[in-house]
Protein backbone atom coordinates (compact mmCIF):
# COMPACT_ATOMS: atom_id res chain seq x y z
CA UNK A 1 23.02 5.92 -7.34
CA UNK A 2 21.80 7.46 -4.10
CA UNK A 3 18.72 8.80 -5.86
CA UNK A 4 17.88 5.40 -7.34
CA UNK A 5 18.29 3.68 -3.95
CA UNK A 6 16.04 6.31 -2.37
CA UNK A 7 13.40 5.75 -5.05
CA UNK A 8 13.59 1.97 -4.67
CA UNK A 9 13.25 2.07 -0.87
CA UNK A 10 10.49 4.70 -0.95
CA UNK A 11 8.43 3.04 -3.68
CA UNK A 12 8.84 -0.42 -2.14
CA UNK A 13 7.44 1.12 1.05
CA UNK A 14 4.54 2.66 -0.88
CA UNK A 15 3.66 -0.68 -2.47
CA UNK A 16 3.78 -2.52 0.85
CA UNK A 17 1.81 0.11 2.78
CA UNK A 18 -0.90 0.24 0.10
CA UNK A 19 -1.30 -3.56 0.30
CA UNK A 20 -0.80 -4.02 4.05
CA UNK A 21 -4.29 -3.15 5.42
CA UNK A 22 -6.06 -6.45 5.97
CA UNK A 23 -9.45 -5.25 4.78
CA UNK A 24 -11.76 -7.10 2.38
CA UNK A 25 -9.10 -7.65 -0.32
CA UNK A 26 -6.66 -8.99 2.27
CA UNK A 27 -9.25 -11.40 3.61
CA UNK A 28 -10.14 -12.44 0.05
CA UNK A 29 -6.48 -13.28 -0.64
CA UNK A 30 -6.31 -15.28 2.60
CA UNK A 31 -9.56 -17.13 1.88
CA UNK A 32 -8.49 -18.10 -1.62
CA UNK A 33 -5.09 -19.23 -0.38
CA UNK A 34 -6.76 -21.38 2.28
CA UNK A 35 -9.45 -22.78 -0.01
CA UNK A 36 -7.74 -23.04 -3.41
CA UNK A 37 -4.01 -22.86 -2.76
CA UNK A 38 -1.24 -20.30 -2.77
CA UNK A 39 -1.34 -19.59 -6.52
CA UNK A 40 -4.97 -18.51 -6.31
CA UNK A 41 -4.14 -16.09 -3.51
CA UNK A 42 -1.11 -14.73 -5.39
CA UNK A 43 -3.12 -14.09 -8.55
CA UNK A 44 -5.72 -12.26 -6.49
CA UNK A 45 -2.95 -10.16 -4.95
CA UNK A 46 -1.51 -9.54 -8.43
CA UNK A 47 -4.84 -8.12 -9.55
CA UNK A 48 -4.91 -5.87 -6.50
CA UNK A 49 -1.33 -4.72 -7.21
CA UNK A 50 -2.24 -3.74 -10.77
CA UNK A 51 -5.17 -1.74 -9.44
CA UNK A 52 -2.85 0.00 -6.95
CA UNK A 53 -0.49 0.82 -9.84
CA UNK A 54 -3.39 2.32 -11.79
CA UNK A 55 -4.27 4.68 -8.95
CA UNK A 56 -0.58 5.49 -8.41
CA UNK A 57 -0.26 6.46 -12.08
CA UNK A 58 -3.32 8.69 -11.77
CA UNK A 59 -1.87 10.32 -8.67
CA UNK A 60 1.55 10.67 -10.27
CA UNK A 61 0.16 12.32 -13.38
CA UNK A 62 -1.79 14.72 -11.21
CA UNK A 63 1.20 15.53 -9.05
CA UNK A 64 3.46 16.04 -12.09
CA UNK A 65 1.73 19.34 -12.79
CA UNK A 66 2.53 20.67 -9.35
CA UNK A 67 5.91 19.11 -8.57
CA UNK A 68 7.51 22.55 -8.30
CA UNK A 69 4.87 23.59 -5.78
CA UNK A 70 5.42 20.36 -3.81
CA UNK A 71 9.19 20.88 -3.84
CA UNK A 72 8.80 24.43 -2.54
CA UNK A 73 6.40 23.33 0.20
CA UNK A 74 7.84 19.91 1.03
CA UNK A 75 7.71 20.51 4.78
CA UNK A 76 4.00 21.31 4.71
CA UNK A 77 3.30 18.26 2.56
CA UNK A 78 5.29 16.08 4.94
CA UNK A 79 3.32 17.44 7.90
CA UNK A 80 -0.03 16.99 6.14
CA UNK A 81 0.90 13.56 4.78
CA UNK A 82 2.07 12.40 8.20
CA UNK A 83 -1.24 13.49 9.78
CA UNK A 84 -3.19 11.55 7.17
CA UNK A 85 -1.00 8.48 7.76
CA UNK A 86 -1.53 8.75 11.52
CA UNK A 87 -5.30 8.70 10.97
CA UNK A 88 -4.93 5.81 8.53
CA UNK A 89 -2.77 3.85 11.00
CA UNK A 90 -5.31 4.34 13.78
CA UNK A 91 -8.04 3.19 11.38
CA UNK A 92 -6.02 0.03 10.69
CA UNK A 93 -5.48 -0.64 14.37
CA UNK A 94 -9.06 -0.06 15.50
CA UNK A 95 -11.16 -1.34 12.59
CA UNK A 96 -12.11 -5.02 12.34
CA UNK A 97 -10.59 -6.46 9.14
CA UNK A 98 -13.59 -8.70 8.47
CA UNK A 99 -16.02 -5.77 8.29
CA UNK A 100 -17.39 -5.29 4.81
CA UNK A 101 -16.12 -8.63 3.49
CA UNK A 102 -18.31 -10.04 0.76
CA UNK A 103 -18.87 -13.76 0.43
CA UNK A 104 -16.97 -15.35 -2.45
CA UNK A 105 -18.87 -18.27 -3.96
CA UNK A 106 -16.19 -19.20 -6.48
CA UNK A 107 -14.99 -22.74 -5.81
CA UNK A 108 -13.41 -23.65 -9.17
CA UNK A 109 -9.76 -22.69 -9.53
CA UNK A 110 -9.48 -20.04 -12.25
CA UNK A 111 -6.40 -17.84 -11.98
CA UNK A 112 -7.63 -15.35 -14.58
CA UNK A 113 -10.83 -14.94 -12.61
CA UNK A 114 -8.81 -14.56 -9.39
CA UNK A 115 -6.66 -11.79 -10.88
CA UNK A 116 -9.60 -9.94 -12.46
CA UNK A 117 -11.71 -10.02 -9.31
CA UNK A 118 -8.70 -8.95 -7.22
CA UNK A 119 -8.24 -6.00 -9.58
CA UNK A 120 -11.95 -5.10 -9.57
CA UNK A 121 -12.22 -5.51 -5.80
CA UNK A 122 -9.40 -3.00 -5.23
CA UNK A 123 -10.49 -0.71 -8.06
CA UNK A 124 -13.89 -0.37 -6.39
CA UNK A 125 -12.22 1.63 -3.61
CA UNK A 126 -11.08 4.89 -5.29
CA UNK A 127 -10.52 6.49 -1.88
CA UNK A 128 -7.13 4.78 -1.90
CA UNK A 129 -5.89 7.69 -3.99
CA UNK A 130 -6.19 9.89 -0.89
CA UNK A 131 -3.65 7.57 0.77
CA UNK A 132 -1.37 7.60 -2.28
CA UNK A 133 -1.03 11.40 -2.29
CA UNK A 134 0.39 11.66 1.25
CA UNK A 135 2.58 8.61 0.66
CA UNK A 136 4.04 10.19 -2.46
CA UNK A 137 4.57 13.42 -0.56
CA UNK A 138 6.15 11.57 2.37
CA UNK A 139 8.63 9.72 0.15
CA UNK A 140 9.14 12.63 -2.27
CA UNK A 141 7.92 10.73 -5.33
CA UNK A 142 7.56 11.94 -8.03
CA UNK A 143 10.03 14.82 -8.06
CA UNK A 144 10.82 17.52 -10.60
CA UNK A 145 14.48 16.42 -10.36
CA UNK A 146 13.78 12.90 -11.64
CA UNK A 147 14.48 11.65 -15.15
CA UNK A 148 12.04 9.45 -17.07
CA UNK A 149 13.81 6.24 -16.05
CA UNK A 150 13.46 7.24 -12.38
CA UNK A 151 9.68 7.14 -12.80
CA UNK A 152 9.84 3.72 -14.46
CA UNK A 153 11.95 2.38 -11.60
CA UNK A 154 9.60 3.91 -9.04
CA UNK A 155 6.39 2.49 -10.46
CA UNK A 156 7.96 -0.93 -11.03
CA UNK A 157 9.05 -1.10 -7.39
CA UNK A 158 5.59 -0.04 -6.20
CA UNK A 159 4.26 -3.19 -7.87
CA UNK A 160 7.19 -5.24 -6.52
CA UNK A 161 6.45 -3.95 -3.02
CA UNK A 162 2.80 -4.97 -3.32
CA UNK A 163 3.70 -8.40 -4.70
CA UNK A 164 6.30 -8.86 -1.96
CA UNK A 165 3.59 -8.29 0.64
CA UNK A 166 1.19 -10.77 -1.00
CA UNK A 167 4.00 -13.31 -1.46
CA UNK A 168 4.78 -13.21 2.26
CA UNK A 169 1.10 -13.35 3.29
CA UNK A 170 0.23 -16.27 0.99
CA UNK A 171 3.39 -18.12 2.03
CA UNK A 172 2.53 -17.81 5.73
CA UNK A 173 -1.11 -18.74 5.19
CA UNK A 174 -0.15 -21.72 3.04
CA UNK A 175 2.29 -22.97 5.68
CA UNK A 176 -0.26 -22.52 8.47
CA UNK A 177 -3.26 -23.58 6.44
CA UNK A 178 -4.50 -26.20 8.89
CA UNK A 179 -4.23 -23.89 11.91
CA UNK A 180 -4.74 -20.43 10.43
CA UNK A 181 -7.50 -18.33 12.01
CA UNK A 182 -8.74 -15.56 9.76
CA UNK A 183 -9.39 -13.35 12.80
CA UNK A 184 -5.63 -13.23 13.40
CA UNK A 185 -5.50 -10.77 10.49
CA UNK A 186 -6.63 -8.18 13.04
CA UNK A 187 -3.34 -8.77 14.86
CA UNK A 188 -1.45 -8.13 11.61
CA UNK A 189 -3.50 -4.96 11.19
CA UNK A 190 -2.39 -3.79 14.63
CA UNK A 191 1.27 -4.58 13.98
CA UNK A 192 1.36 -2.90 10.56
CA UNK A 193 -0.71 0.00 11.86
CA UNK A 194 1.72 0.45 14.73
CA UNK A 195 4.70 0.53 12.36
CA UNK A 196 3.00 3.08 10.09
CA UNK A 197 2.01 5.12 13.15
CA UNK A 198 5.62 5.28 14.37
CA UNK A 199 6.89 6.32 10.92
CA UNK A 200 4.13 8.91 10.56
CA UNK A 201 4.76 10.45 13.99
CA UNK A 202 8.47 10.66 13.16
CA UNK A 203 7.64 12.35 9.85
CA UNK A 204 5.27 14.78 11.56
CA UNK A 205 7.79 15.76 14.22
CA UNK A 206 10.67 16.18 11.77
CA UNK A 207 8.45 18.14 9.39
CA UNK A 208 7.33 20.50 12.15
CA UNK A 209 10.89 21.00 13.38
CA UNK A 210 12.08 21.79 9.85
CA UNK A 211 9.15 24.08 9.12
CA UNK A 212 9.76 26.15 12.26
CA UNK A 213 13.50 26.25 11.62
CA UNK A 214 14.49 24.15 14.62
CA UNK A 215 16.55 21.86 12.38
């Protein structure tokens, strides 16, 4: 039971962290929620979540061939993953979320279109896989000790984590639709980036202490 809880918490975190950066896809979800309603934003987020799952499966399949190596060098992976997450967190905090946003001319509500474009929008950024690797290493997923059903649970909760994030975002935007300022997404970037930064620094310190035998 402890293993399953650990997988659920870790993979929920992976799904949320992958979705949290308020870059172009985040702004697209917000725009569609503001212009077309919450369902349109949720379907866009669903498409993005499926794309995240696709890259997670690719990363997981790649890592499955070296899980023994990862297990034997977990401290080094935690140190390296934490450094990458620190850089990523600083990028979230410092980068304007509206940079690179493309104009969306779609005005007719079409949920299938929303989901497909959300998927394609996220799929067009394959560099996300370089974030998935350190996240998997940080949360020790996948592991050579896991059974098949552990993997199913893990990947399901990655999607649930992503959908949880988009559910919260679209709910807040829908409630504040008349007053919502899209530039406030930068504030969310800073808050989420700060949380990731704290977690990453903690992981880096604990990894270094373990590696050098302090703890």
